[in-house]
C-alpha atoms as a PDB file:
ATOM      1  CA  MET A   1      13.333 -15.952  -2.515  1.00  0.00           C
ATOM      2  CA  LYS A   2      10.245 -13.927  -3.369  1.00  0.00           C
ATOM      3  CA  SER A   3       7.851 -14.804  -0.541  1.00  0.00           C
ATOM      4  CA  ARG A   4       8.044 -11.399   1.116  1.00  0.00           C
ATOM      5  CA  ALA A   5       7.690  -9.620  -2.206  1.00  0.00           C
ATOM      6  CA  ARG A   6       4.418 -11.469  -2.694  1.00  0.00           C
ATOM      7  CA  ILE A   7       3.263 -10.657   0.851  1.00  0.00           C
ATOM      8  CA  PHE A   8       3.749  -6.976   0.117  1.00  0.00           C
ATOM      9  CA  THR A   9       0.529  -6.849  -1.911  1.00  0.00           C
ATOM     10  CA  PHE A  10      -1.371  -8.004   1.191  1.00  0.00           C
ATOM     11  CA  ALA A  11       0.225  -5.204   3.198  1.00  0.00           C
ATOM     12  CA  LEU A  12      -0.953  -2.535   0.805  1.00  0.00           C
ATOM     13  CA  ALA A  13      -4.500  -3.797   1.029  1.00  0.00           C
ATOM     14  CA  ALA A  14      -4.675  -4.469   4.760  1.00  0.00           C
ATOM     15  CA  LEU A  15      -2.685  -1.736   6.482  1.00  0.00           C
ATOM     16  CA  SER A  16      -5.086   0.850   7.826  1.00  0.00           C
ATOM     17  CA  THR A  17      -4.197   4.462   7.276  1.00  0.00           C
ATOM     18  CA  LEU A  18      -4.370   6.406  10.520  1.00  0.00           C
ATOM     19  CA  THR A  19      -5.484   9.853   9.510  1.00  0.00           C
ATOM     20  CA  LEU A  20      -6.711  12.981  11.180  1.00  0.00           C
ATOM     21  CA  THR A  21     -10.238  13.569  12.429  1.00  0.00           C
ATOM     22  CA  HIS A  22      -9.459  16.704  14.413  1.00  0.00           C
ATOM     23  CA  PRO A  23      -6.422  18.118  16.255  1.00  0.00           C
ATOM     24  CA  GLY A  24      -5.345  15.648  18.910  1.00  0.00           C
ATOM     25  CA  CYS A  25      -7.383  12.726  17.605  1.00  0.00           C
ATOM     26  CA  LEU A  26      -6.443  10.088  15.038  1.00  0.00           C
ATOM     27  CA  ARG A  27      -8.861   7.699  13.392  1.00  0.00           C
ATOM     28  CA  ALA A  28      -8.493   4.565  11.286  1.00  0.00           C
ATOM     29  CA  GLN A  29      -9.361   4.964   7.629  1.00  0.00           C
ATOM     30  CA  VAL A  30      -9.744   1.717   5.692  1.00  0.00           C
ATOM     31  CA  PRO A  31      -8.050   2.026   2.300  1.00  0.00           C
ATOM     32  CA  ARG A  32     -10.183   1.571  -0.769  1.00  0.00           C
ATOM     33  CA  ASN A  33     -10.011  -1.825  -2.374  1.00  0.00           C
ATOM     34  CA  PHE A  34      -9.073  -2.105  -6.001  1.00  0.00           C
ATOM     35  CA  GLY A  35     -12.215  -2.112  -8.072  1.00  0.00           C
ATOM     36  CA  SER A  36     -12.956  -3.998 -11.251  1.00  0.00           C
ATOM     37  CA  ILE A  37     -14.270  -2.664 -14.513  1.00  0.00           C
ATOM     38  CA  ASN A  38     -17.984  -3.220 -14.881  1.00  0.00           C
ATOM     39  CA  SER A  39     -18.663  -4.733 -18.276  1.00  0.00           C
ATOM     40  CA  THR A  40     -22.379  -5.356 -17.953  1.00  0.00           C
ATOM     41  CA  PRO A  41     -23.817  -5.924 -21.458  1.00  0.00           C
ATOM     42  CA  GLY A  42     -25.871  -3.013 -22.637  1.00  0.00           C
ATOM     43  CA  SER A  43     -24.348  -0.491 -20.278  1.00  0.00           C
ATOM     44  CA  SER A  44     -24.116   2.797 -22.163  1.00  0.00           C
ATOM     45  CA  SER A  45     -20.827   3.604 -20.487  1.00  0.00           C
ATOM     46  CA  PHE A  46     -19.301   0.522 -22.056  1.00  0.00           C
ATOM     47  CA  GLN A  47     -20.865   0.476 -25.498  1.00  0.00           C
ATOM     48  CA  LYS A  48     -17.496   1.625 -26.831  1.00  0.00           C
ATOM     49  CA  ALA A  49     -14.950  -0.553 -25.121  1.00  0.00           C
ATOM     50  CA  ALA A  50     -11.739  -2.330 -26.000  1.00  0.00           C
ATOM     51  CA  SER A  51      -9.117  -4.521 -24.426  1.00  0.00           C
ATOM     52  CA  LEU A  52      -5.886  -3.123 -23.069  1.00  0.00           C
ATOM     53  CA  GLU A  53      -2.973  -5.512 -22.946  1.00  0.00           C
ATOM     54  CA  GLY A  54       0.727  -5.259 -22.411  1.00  0.00           C
ATOM     55  CA  THR A  55       3.957  -6.605 -21.007  1.00  0.00           C
ATOM     56  CA  VAL A  56       6.217  -5.799 -18.080  1.00  0.00           C
ATOM     57  CA  LYS A  57       9.959  -6.171 -18.545  1.00  0.00           C
ATOM     58  CA  SER A  58      13.122  -5.589 -16.563  1.00  0.00           C
ATOM     59  CA  VAL A  59      15.676  -3.002 -17.621  1.00  0.00           C
ATOM     60  CA  GLY A  60      17.514  -5.846 -19.328  1.00  0.00           C
ATOM     61  CA  GLY A  61      14.450  -6.792 -21.371  1.00  0.00           C
ATOM     62  CA  SER A  62      13.437  -9.928 -19.462  1.00  0.00           C
ATOM     63  CA  LEU A  63       9.701 -10.507 -19.092  1.00  0.00           C
ATOM     64  CA  LEU A  64       8.592 -10.366 -15.447  1.00  0.00           C
ATOM     65  CA  LYS A  65       5.879 -12.530 -13.871  1.00  0.00           C
ATOM     66  CA  ASP A  66       3.739 -11.861 -10.774  1.00  0.00           C
ATOM     67  CA  VAL A  67       3.976  -8.064 -11.112  1.00  0.00           C
ATOM     68  CA  ARG A  68       0.868  -6.101 -10.123  1.00  0.00           C
ATOM     69  CA  VAL A  69      -0.474  -3.748 -12.788  1.00  0.00           C
ATOM     70  CA  ASP A  70      -3.010  -1.055 -11.878  1.00  0.00           C
ATOM     71  CA  LEU A  71      -5.251   0.796 -14.309  1.00  0.00           C
ATOM     72  CA  HIS A  72      -5.825   4.409 -13.218  1.00  0.00           C
ATOM     73  CA  ASP A  73      -8.626   6.626 -14.475  1.00  0.00           C
ATOM     74  CA  ILE A  74      -6.791   9.890 -15.132  1.00  0.00           C
ATOM     75  CA  SER A  75      -9.913  12.036 -14.871  1.00  0.00           C
ATOM     76  CA  GLY A  76     -10.753  10.788 -11.381  1.00  0.00           C
ATOM     77  CA  GLY A  77      -7.367   9.550 -10.259  1.00  0.00           C
ATOM     78  CA  ASN A  78      -8.843   6.245  -9.077  1.00  0.00           C
ATOM     79  CA  VAL A  79      -7.575   2.703  -9.551  1.00  0.00           C
ATOM     80  CA  ILE A  80     -10.411   1.044 -11.458  1.00  0.00           C
ATOM     81  CA  ALA A  81      -8.858  -2.379 -12.063  1.00  0.00           C
ATOM     82  CA  SER A  82      -5.803  -4.453 -11.188  1.00  0.00           C
ATOM     83  CA  ALA A  83      -4.144  -7.527 -12.641  1.00  0.00           C
ATOM     84  CA  TYR A  84      -0.962  -9.580 -12.268  1.00  0.00           C
ATOM     85  CA  THR A  85       1.419 -10.481 -15.060  1.00  0.00           C
ATOM     86  CA  SER A  86       1.387 -14.071 -16.225  1.00  0.00           C
ATOM     87  CA  GLN A  87       4.310 -16.467 -16.446  1.00  0.00           C
ATOM     88  CA  SER A  88       5.147 -14.819 -19.786  1.00  0.00           C
ATOM     89  CA  GLY A  89       5.082 -11.301 -18.332  1.00  0.00           C
ATOM     90  CA  THR A  90       1.803 -10.287 -19.979  1.00  0.00           C
ATOM     91  CA  PHE A  91      -1.370  -8.717 -18.589  1.00  0.00           C
ATOM     92  CA  GLN A  92      -4.757  -7.736 -19.973  1.00  0.00           C
ATOM     93  CA  PHE A  93      -7.755  -5.594 -19.053  1.00  0.00           C
ATOM     94  CA  ASN A  94     -10.999  -6.332 -20.904  1.00  0.00           C
ATOM     95  CA  SER A  95     -13.960  -4.055 -21.623  1.00  0.00           C
ATOM     96  CA  VAL A  96     -12.067  -0.815 -21.102  1.00  0.00           C
ATOM     97  CA  PRO A  97     -14.239   2.174 -22.145  1.00  0.00           C
ATOM     98  CA  ASP A  98     -12.993   5.055 -24.236  1.00  0.00           C
ATOM     99  CA  GLY A  99     -10.825   7.423 -22.256  1.00  0.00           C
ATOM    100  CA  SER A 100      -7.369   8.285 -20.988  1.00  0.00           C
ATOM    101  CA  TYR A 101      -5.650   6.030 -18.477  1.00  0.00           C
ATOM    102  CA  GLU A 102      -2.392   5.559 -16.662  1.00  0.00           C
ATOM    103  CA  VAL A 103      -1.069   2.012 -16.513  1.00  0.00           C
ATOM    104  CA  VAL A 104       1.184   1.455 -13.486  1.00  0.00           C
ATOM    105  CA  ALA A 105       3.326  -1.634 -12.818  1.00  0.00           C
ATOM    106  CA  VAL A 106       4.341  -2.098  -9.176  1.00  0.00           C
ATOM    107  CA  SER A 107       6.949  -4.454  -7.759  1.00  0.00           C
ATOM    108  CA  GLY A 108       7.890  -3.686  -4.158  1.00  0.00           C
ATOM    109  CA  VAL A 109       9.061  -0.075  -4.109  1.00  0.00           C
ATOM    110  CA  ASN A 110       9.709  -0.043  -7.864  1.00  0.00           C
ATOM    111  CA  GLN A 111       7.178   1.401 -10.284  1.00  0.00           C
ATOM    112  CA  ALA A 112       6.839   2.096 -13.990  1.00  0.00           C
ATOM    113  CA  SER A 113       3.937   3.870 -15.654  1.00  0.00           C
ATOM    114  CA  GLU A 114       2.670   5.052 -18.999  1.00  0.00           C
ATOM    115  CA  ARG A 115      -0.334   7.070 -20.073  1.00  0.00           C
ATOM    116  CA  ILE A 116      -2.457   5.733 -22.884  1.00  0.00           C
ATOM    117  CA  HIS A 117      -5.692   6.696 -24.639  1.00  0.00           C
ATOM    118  CA  VAL A 118      -8.215   3.983 -25.442  1.00  0.00           C
ATOM    119  CA  ALA A 119     -10.599   4.761 -28.296  1.00  0.00           C
ATOM    120  CA  SER A 120     -12.773   1.769 -29.233  1.00  0.00           C
ATOM    121  CA  PHE A 121      -9.858  -0.354 -30.407  1.00  0.00           C
ATOM    122  CA  ASN A 122      -7.438  -2.679 -28.690  1.00  0.00           C
ATOM    123  CA  ALA A 123      -4.472  -0.920 -27.150  1.00  0.00           C
ATOM    124  CA  THR A 124      -1.071  -2.184 -26.064  1.00  0.00           C
ATOM    125  CA  VAL A 125       1.570  -0.901 -23.689  1.00  0.00           C
ATOM    126  CA  SER A 126       5.033  -2.079 -22.679  1.00  0.00           C
ATOM    127  CA  LEU A 127       6.396  -1.148 -19.260  1.00  0.00           C
ATOM    128  CA  ARG A 128       9.966  -1.481 -18.007  1.00  0.00           C
ATOM    129  CA  LEU A 129      10.557  -1.716 -14.282  1.00  0.00           C
ATOM    130  CA  PRO A 130      13.841  -0.384 -12.871  1.00  0.00           C
ATOM    131  CA  VAL A 131      14.845  -3.842 -11.638  1.00  0.00           C
ATOM    132  CA  ALA A 132      17.178  -6.588 -12.796  1.00  0.00           C
ATOM    133  CA  ASP A 133      15.873  -9.846 -14.277  1.00  0.00           C
ATOM    134  CA  ALA A 134      13.536 -10.480 -11.323  1.00  0.00           C
ATOM    135  CA  PRO A 135      11.656  -8.077  -9.047  1.00  0.00           C
ATOM    136  CA  HIS A 136      13.360  -7.366  -5.752  1.00  0.00           C
ATOM    137  CA  ASP A 137      11.771  -8.251  -2.471  1.00  0.00           C
ATOM    138  CA  ILE A 138      10.349  -5.531  -0.255  1.00  0.00           C
ATOM    139  CA  ALA A 139      13.661  -4.871   1.394  1.00  0.00           C
ATOM    140  CA  GLY A 140      15.128  -3.945  -1.966  1.00  0.00           C
ATOM    141  CA  SER A 141      17.243  -7.072  -2.261  1.00  0.00           C
ATOM    142  CA  ASN A 142      16.905 -10.779  -2.833  1.00  0.00           C
ATOM    143  CA  SER A 143      18.557 -11.719   0.441  1.00  0.00           C
ATOM    144  CA  VAL A 144      17.262 -14.682   2.413  1.00  0.00           C
ATOM    145  CA  SER A 145      17.416 -14.805   6.194  1.00  0.00           C
ATOM    146  CA  VAL A 146      18.480 -17.880   8.177  1.00  0.00           C
ATOM    147  CA  ALA A 147      14.923 -18.198   9.486  1.00  0.00           C
ATOM    148  CA  GLN A 148      13.572 -18.427   5.928  1.00  0.00           C
ATOM    149  CA  TYR A 149      15.982 -21.235   5.095  1.00  0.00           C
ATOM    150  CA  LYS A 150      14.600 -23.239   8.027  1.00  0.00           C
ATOM    151  CA  VAL A 151      11.016 -23.200   6.721  1.00  0.00           C
ATOM    152  CA  PRO A 152       9.992 -26.719   5.572  1.00  0.00           C
ATOM    153  CA  ALA A 153       9.357 -27.038   1.855  1.00  0.00           C
ATOM    154  CA  LYS A 154       5.766 -28.225   2.408  1.00  0.00           C
ATOM    155  CA  ALA A 155       4.977 -25.164   4.522  1.00  0.00           C
ATOM    156  CA  ARG A 156       6.444 -22.909   1.878  1.00  0.00           C
ATOM    157  CA  GLU A 157       4.414 -24.681  -0.791  1.00  0.00           C
ATOM    158  CA  GLU A 158       1.178 -24.166   1.133  1.00  0.00           C
ATOM    159  CA  PHE A 159       2.072 -20.527   1.693  1.00  0.00           C
ATOM    160  CA  LEU A 160       2.622 -19.956  -2.030  1.00  0.00           C
ATOM    161  CA  LYS A 161      -0.699 -21.671  -2.777  1.00  0.00           C
ATOM    162  CA  SER A 162      -2.342 -19.297  -0.305  1.00  0.00           C
ATOM    163  CA  GLN A 163      -0.901 -16.293  -2.073  1.00  0.00           C
ATOM    164  CA  GLU A 164      -1.969 -17.581  -5.466  1.00  0.00           C
ATOM    165  CA  ALA A 165      -5.513 -18.166  -4.206  1.00  0.00           C
ATOM    166  CA  GLY A 166      -5.541 -14.624  -2.854  1.00  0.00           C
ATOM    167  CA  ARG A 167      -4.532 -13.260  -6.232  1.00  0.00           C
ATOM    168  CA  ARG A 168      -7.419 -15.198  -7.774  1.00  0.00           C
ATOM    169  CA  SER A 169      -9.847 -13.637  -5.250  1.00  0.00           C
ATOM    170  CA  LYS A 170     -10.504 -16.921  -3.441  1.00  0.00           C
ATOM    171  CA  PRO A 171     -10.161 -15.883   0.225  1.00  0.00           C
ATOM    172  CA  GLU A 172     -11.495 -19.123   1.732  1.00  0.00           C
ATOM    173  CA  GLU A 173      -9.038 -21.224  -0.254  1.00  0.00           C
ATOM    174  CA  ALA A 174      -6.233 -18.816   0.634  1.00  0.00           C
ATOM    175  CA  ALA A 175      -7.088 -19.082   4.334  1.00  0.00           C
ATOM    176  CA  LYS A 176      -7.059 -22.894   4.208  1.00  0.00           C
ATOM    177  CA  HIS A 177      -3.602 -23.025   2.610  1.00  0.00           C
ATOM    178  CA  LEU A 178      -2.283 -20.427   5.048  1.00  0.00           C
ATOM    179  CA  ALA A 179      -3.611 -22.440   7.990  1.00  0.00           C
ATOM    180  CA  ARG A 180      -1.916 -25.549   6.635  1.00  0.00           C
ATOM    181  CA  ALA A 181       1.368 -23.702   6.263  1.00  0.00           C
ATOM    182  CA  LEU A 182       1.218 -22.683   9.912  1.00  0.00           C
ATOM    183  CA  GLU A 183       0.197 -26.179  11.003  1.00  0.00           C
ATOM    184  CA  ILE A 184       3.371 -27.488   9.379  1.00  0.00           C
ATOM    185  CA  ASP A 185       5.537 -24.675  10.747  1.00  0.00           C
ATOM    186  CA  PRO A 186       3.944 -22.582  13.539  1.00  0.00           C
ATOM    187  CA  ASP A 187       7.026 -20.319  13.489  1.00  0.00           C
ATOM    188  CA  PHE A 188       6.791 -19.476   9.754  1.00  0.00           C
ATOM    189  CA  SER A 189       7.402 -15.730   9.996  1.00  0.00           C
ATOM    190  CA  ASP A 190       6.006 -14.742   6.586  1.00  0.00           C
ATOM    191  CA  ALA A 191       2.875 -16.827   7.131  1.00  0.00           C
ATOM    192  CA  LEU A 192       2.343 -15.287  10.558  1.00  0.00           C
ATOM    193  CA  THR A 193       2.648 -11.856   8.975  1.00  0.00           C
ATOM    194  CA  ALA A 194       0.134 -12.771   6.278  1.00  0.00           C
ATOM    195  CA  ARG A 195      -2.331 -14.023   8.902  1.00  0.00           C
ATOM    196  CA  ALA A 196      -1.891 -10.806  10.863  1.00  0.00           C
ATOM    197  CA  LEU A 197      -2.746  -8.833   7.747  1.00  0.00           C
ATOM    198  CA  GLU A 198      -5.934 -10.852   7.366  1.00  0.00           C
ATOM    199  CA  THR A 199      -7.058 -10.121  10.933  1.00  0.00           C
ATOM    200  CA  ILE A 200      -5.647  -6.662  11.683  1.00  0.00           C
ATOM    201  CA  LYS A 201      -8.894  -4.850  10.860  1.00  0.00           C
ATOM    202  CA  THR A 202     -11.136  -7.209  12.854  1.00  0.00           C
ATOM    203  CA  ASN A 203      -8.940  -8.456  15.701  1.00  0.00           C
ATOM    204  CA  LEU A 204      -6.056  -6.098  16.408  1.00  0.00           C
ATOM    205  CA  ALA A 205      -4.881  -7.991  19.493  1.00  0.00           C
ATOM    206  CA  SER A 206      -4.610 -11.267  17.577  1.00  0.00           C
ATOM    207  CA  ALA A 207      -2.784  -9.548  14.722  1.00  0.00           C
ATOM    208  CA  ILE A 208      -0.294  -7.984  17.134  1.00  0.00           C
ATOM    209  CA  ALA A 209       0.355 -11.394  18.719  1.00  0.00           C
ATOM    210  CA  ASP A 210       1.093 -12.877  15.296  1.00  0.00           C
ATOM    211  CA  LEU A 211       3.370  -9.983  14.363  1.00  0.00           C
ATOM    212  CA  GLU A 212       5.318 -10.225  17.618  1.00  0.00           C
ATOM    213  CA  HIS A 213       5.682 -13.973  17.037  1.00  0.00           C
ATOM    214  CA  ALA A 214       6.849 -13.324  13.460  1.00  0.00           C
ATOM    215  CA  ILE A 215       9.517 -10.895  14.638  1.00  0.00           C
ATOM    216  CA  LYS A 216      10.643 -13.185  17.455  1.00  0.00           C
ATOM    217  CA  THR A 217      11.100 -15.955  14.887  1.00  0.00           C
ATOM    218  CA  ASP A 218      12.774 -13.735  12.305  1.00  0.00           C
ATOM    219  CA  GLY A 219      14.080 -10.414  13.564  1.00  0.00           C
ATOM    220  CA  ASN A 220      14.812  -9.361   9.968  1.00  0.00           C
ATOM    221  CA  ASN A 221      11.166  -9.487   8.874  1.00  0.00           C
ATOM    222  CA  SER A 222      10.960  -5.789   8.074  1.00  0.00           C
ATOM    223  CA  LEU A 223       7.382  -5.992   6.791  1.00  0.00           C
ATOM    224  CA  ALA A 224       6.180  -7.379  10.122  1.00  0.00           C
ATOM    225  CA  LEU A 225       8.060  -4.573  11.875  1.00  0.00           C
ATOM    226  CA  THR A 226       6.383  -1.896   9.760  1.00  0.00           C
ATOM    227  CA  ILE A 227       2.923  -3.354  10.289  1.00  0.00           C
ATOM    228  CA  LEU A 228       3.521  -3.729  14.014  1.00  0.00           C
ATOM    229  CA  GLY A 229       4.582  -0.079  14.082  1.00  0.00           C
ATOM    230  CA  ALA A 230       1.299   0.821  12.403  1.00  0.00           C
ATOM    231  CA  ALA A 231      -0.580  -1.244  14.985  1.00  0.00           C
ATOM    232  CA  MET A 232       1.179   0.618  17.788  1.00  0.00           C
ATOM    233  CA  ASN A 233       0.189   3.905  16.152  1.00  0.00           C
ATOM    234  CA  ALA A 234      -3.411   2.660  16.102  1.00  0.00           C
ATOM    235  CA  GLN A 235      -3.183   2.218  19.887  1.00  0.00           C
ATOM    236  CA  ALA A 236      -1.486   5.611  20.381  1.00  0.00           C
ATOM    237  CA  LYS A 237       1.675   3.840  21.600  1.00  0.00           C
ATOM    238  CA  PHE A 238       3.884   6.168  19.634  1.00  0.00           C
ATOM    239  CA  ASP A 239       7.200   5.527  21.371  1.00  0.00           C
ATOM    240  CA  GLU A 240       6.863   1.798  20.779  1.00  0.00           C
ATOM    241  CA  ALA A 241       5.841   2.450  17.192  1.00  0.00           C
ATOM    242  CA  VAL A 242       8.991   4.463  16.566  1.00  0.00           C
ATOM    243  CA  LEU A 243      11.199   1.632  17.851  1.00  0.00           C
ATOM    244  CA  TYR A 244       9.644  -0.906  15.469  1.00  0.00           C
ATOM    245  CA  LEU A 245       9.569   1.487  12.531  1.00  0.00           C
ATOM    246  CA  GLN A 246      13.158   2.627  12.912  1.00  0.00           C
ATOM    247  CA  ARG A 247      14.277  -1.002  12.987  1.00  0.00           C
ATOM    248  CA  SER A 248      12.276  -1.630   9.814  1.00  0.00           C
ATOM    249  CA  GLU A 249      13.809   1.434   8.192  1.00  0.00           C
ATOM    250  CA  THR A 250      17.279   0.052   8.870  1.00  0.00           C
ATOM    251  CA  LEU A 251      16.394  -3.264   7.232  1.00  0.00           C
ATOM    252  CA  ALA A 252      14.338  -1.887   4.339  1.00  0.00           C
ATOM    253  CA  PRO A 253      15.086   1.805   3.727  1.00  0.00           C
ATOM    254  CA  ASP A 254      13.105   1.917   0.478  1.00  0.00           C
ATOM    255  CA  ARG A 255       9.591   1.284   1.803  1.00  0.00           C
ATOM    256  CA  TRP A 256       7.506   4.467   1.842  1.00  0.00           C
ATOM    257  CA  GLN A 257       4.917   3.050   4.245  1.00  0.00           C
ATOM    258  CA  THR A 258       7.524   2.997   7.021  1.00  0.00           C
ATOM    259  CA  TYR A 259       8.191   6.729   6.669  1.00  0.00           C
ATOM    260  CA  PHE A 260       4.463   7.442   6.487  1.00  0.00           C
ATOM    261  CA  GLU A 261       3.938   5.585   9.755  1.00  0.00           C
ATOM    262  CA  LEU A 262       6.907   7.411  11.305  1.00  0.00           C
ATOM    263  CA  ALA A 263       5.216  10.675  10.359  1.00  0.00           C
ATOM    264  CA  LYS A 264       2.095   9.564  12.238  1.00  0.00           C
ATOM    265  CA  SER A 265       4.170   8.543  15.250  1.00  0.00           C
ATOM    266  CA  ASN A 266       5.829  11.938  15.400  1.00  0.00           C
ATOM    267  CA  ILE A 267       2.510  13.747  15.095  1.00  0.00           C
ATOM    268  CA  GLY A 268       1.346  11.673  18.052  1.00  0.00           C
ATOM    269  CA  LYS A 269       4.507  12.715  19.928  1.00  0.00           C
ATOM    270  CA  THR A 270       3.878  16.375  18.897  1.00  0.00           C
ATOM    271  CA  ASP A 271       7.187  16.474  17.026  1.00  0.00           C
ATOM    272  CA  TYR A 272       5.666  18.126  13.996  1.00  0.00           C
ATOM    273  CA  ALA A 273       8.916  19.176  12.335  1.00  0.00           C
ATOM    274  CA  SER A 274      10.087  15.551  12.258  1.00  0.00           C
ATOM    275  CA  ALA A 275       6.671  14.476  10.971  1.00  0.00           C
ATOM    276  CA  LEU A 276       6.984  16.879   8.044  1.00  0.00           C
ATOM    277  CA  ARG A 277      10.429  15.523   7.204  1.00  0.00           C
ATOM    278  CA  TYR A 278       9.084  11.975   7.148  1.00  0.00           C
ATOM    279  CA  LEU A 279       6.173  13.067   4.958  1.00  0.00           C
ATOM    280  CA  ASP A 280       8.626  14.703   2.549  1.00  0.00           C
ATOM    281  CA  LYS A 281      10.499  11.388   2.422  1.00  0.00           C
ATOM    282  CA  THR A 282       7.240   9.559   1.776  1.00  0.00           C
ATOM    283  CA  VAL A 283       6.327  11.853  -1.109  1.00  0.00           C
ATOM    284  CA  SER A 284       9.780  11.470  -2.661  1.00  0.00           C
ATOM    285  CA  MET A 285       9.215   7.709  -2.883  1.00  0.00           C
ATOM    286  CA  LEU A 286       5.664   7.745  -4.244  1.00  0.00           C
ATOM    287  CA  ALA A 287       4.937   7.613  -7.954  1.00  0.00           C
ATOM    288  CA  GLN A 288       1.614   9.431  -7.553  1.00  0.00           C
ATOM    289  CA  ASP A 289      -0.237  11.722  -5.195  1.00  0.00           C
ATOM    290  CA  TYR A 290      -1.502  10.089  -1.984  1.00  0.00           C
ATOM    291  CA  SER A 291      -4.246  12.102  -0.320  1.00  0.00           C
ATOM    292  CA  PRO A 292      -3.612  11.060   3.338  1.00  0.00           C
ATOM    293  CA  VAL A 293      -0.203  12.741   3.083  1.00  0.00           C
ATOM    294  CA  HIS A 294      -1.956  16.088   2.582  1.00  0.00           C
ATOM    295  CA  LEU A 295      -4.169  15.429   5.590  1.00  0.00           C
ATOM    296  CA  LEU A 296      -1.273  14.601   7.895  1.00  0.00           C
ATOM    297  CA  ARG A 297       0.763  17.503   6.579  1.00  0.00           C
ATOM    298  CA  GLY A 298      -2.183  19.813   7.192  1.00  0.00           C
ATOM    299  CA  ARG A 299      -2.448  18.512  10.759  1.00  0.00           C
ATOM    300  CA  ALA A 300       1.249  19.121  11.433  1.00  0.00           C
ATOM    301  CA  LEU A 301       1.251  22.588   9.879  1.00  0.00           C
ATOM    302  CA  PHE A 302      -1.899  23.569  11.800  1.00  0.00           C
ATOM    303  CA  SER A 303      -0.231  22.578  15.064  1.00  0.00           C
ATOM    304  CA  MET A 304       2.816  24.644  14.107  1.00  0.00           C
ATOM    305  CA  HIS A 305       0.515  27.667  13.600  1.00  0.00           C
ATOM    306  CA  ARG A 306       1.324  27.748   9.885  1.00  0.00           C
ATOM    307  CA  TYR A 307      -2.321  28.178   9.059  1.00  0.00           C
ATOM    308  CA  ALA A 308      -2.074  29.346   5.445  1.00  0.00           C
ATOM    309  CA  GLU A 309       0.058  26.343   4.515  1.00  0.00           C
ATOM    310  CA  ALA A 310      -2.237  24.043   6.476  1.00  0.00           C
ATOM    311  CA  THR A 311      -5.218  25.382   4.517  1.00  0.00           C
ATOM    312  CA  GLY A 312      -3.490  24.569   1.230  1.00  0.00           C
ATOM    313  CA  GLU A 313      -2.789  20.989   2.312  1.00  0.00           C
ATOM    314  CA  LEU A 314      -6.343  20.487   3.571  1.00  0.00           C
ATOM    315  CA  ASP A 315      -7.709  21.853   0.301  1.00  0.00           C
ATOM    316  CA  ALA A 316      -5.548  19.339  -1.579  1.00  0.00           C
ATOM    317  CA  TYR A 317      -6.890  16.517   0.590  1.00  0.00           C
ATOM    318  CA  LEU A 318     -10.521  17.580   0.175  1.00  0.00           C
ATOM    319  CA  GLN A 319     -10.125  17.863  -3.570  1.00  0.00           C
ATOM    320  CA  LYS A 320      -9.096  14.204  -3.632  1.00  0.00           C
ATOM    321  CA  GLU A 321     -11.377  12.939  -0.848  1.00  0.00           C
ATOM    322  CA  PRO A 322     -14.440  15.232  -0.689  1.00  0.00           C
ATOM    323  CA  ASN A 323     -16.507  12.438   0.858  1.00  0.00           C
ATOM    324  CA  GLY A 324     -13.738  10.613   2.702  1.00  0.00           C
ATOM    325  CA  VAL A 325     -14.080   9.376   6.275  1.00  0.00           C
ATOM    326  CA  ASN A 326     -12.032  12.347   7.487  1.00  0.00           C
ATOM    327  CA  ALA A 327     -13.443  14.956   5.120  1.00  0.00           C
ATOM    328  CA  GLY A 328     -15.671  16.525   7.793  1.00  0.00           C
ATOM    329  CA  ALA A 329     -12.796  16.863  10.227  1.00  0.00           C
ATOM    330  CA  ALA A 330     -10.590  18.311   7.495  1.00  0.00           C
ATOM    331  CA  ARG A 331     -13.226  20.938   6.727  1.00  0.00           C
ATOM    332  CA  ASP A 332     -13.522  21.798  10.424  1.00  0.00           C
ATOM    333  CA  MET A 333      -9.790  22.246  10.719  1.00  0.00           C
ATOM    334  CA  ARG A 334      -9.692  24.322   7.548  1.00  0.00           C
ATOM    335  CA  ALA A 335     -12.406  26.576   8.987  1.00  0.00           C
ATOM    336  CA  GLN A 336     -10.406  26.956  12.207  1.00  0.00           C
ATOM    337  CA  ALA A 337      -7.307  27.838  10.197  1.00  0.00           C
ATOM    338  CA  GLN A 338      -9.209  30.437   8.197  1.00  0.00           C
ATOM    339  CA  THR A 339     -10.583  31.992  11.388  1.00  0.00           C
ATOM    340  CA  LEU A 340      -7.097  32.207  12.913  1.00  0.00           C
ATOM    341  CA  ILE A 341      -5.700  33.696   9.724  1.00  0.00           C
ATOM    342  CA  ALA A 342      -8.412  36.386   9.786  1.00  0.00           C
ATOM    343  CA  LYS A 343      -7.634  37.221  13.432  1.00  0.00           C
ATOM    344  CA  ASN A 344      -3.993  37.717  12.613  1.00  0.00           C
END
């Protein structure tokens, strides 16, 4: 059963990242969407371009389908394009300009990456994910709950069509199939979670209602629990957030987003030492640097009067996000830290 594994890509795109604006105030930062490579004919940047193709396999050598592959620009550290592996486990990026890149395959909490240099000729790469013959679901296993077994086949079919339409960047078609899935089974927990992810940025109350319904229907829906914890953080309901997030952690201990949200909750509760421990856990599970971690760590360290360390974390954040939504607040906090260091 891979439905929740497929939902996970929606979670990465839709979960807002609550990051610092100034001490005592948190603000929602919308994550950047994956971009696509611009291959406009005649563009000087793409006069020397090639295709980059490859395969994703399991540790046993089986080709894996429906695995997301991101193309990172090493010089800027940005994701410039994304694709999904085909039924035969292959993927391809066209019109890739000369340069050095990191190709990253992601399936749930599992990742594999390889650096490659493209120089005006077609390049290939083969990635091996640390999974068995099929990617695990987001809980790190292929277990199926009783609630999932009860979902009618037609509802499940519509849900899968919705996910496929989403992967093909057809949001209207995806929404229609999702609506049909919920018409057939209004208690379809995964579909309720997917709908919440579609509305969480525009209608938080509606998203929370869907998430609560999803959890009531299937108490083992760890993704819904994590997202609901994030929603509680967004409303500064930190005690409630911790309850949902700790339950999610028990069900799916290998999801870094849960620990990241727990760090936010503990900052909100002024338990900065615990927040730092959760951020350390988050970093240990990430395959690459994630700038909001530096911002939250800087906030916690500042509140613990560890101003020199806070300055270092804020510098790391600003290096990655010099024009980010919280860059101004980070600079203000850094200035405060520097002033306090000078006084001492």
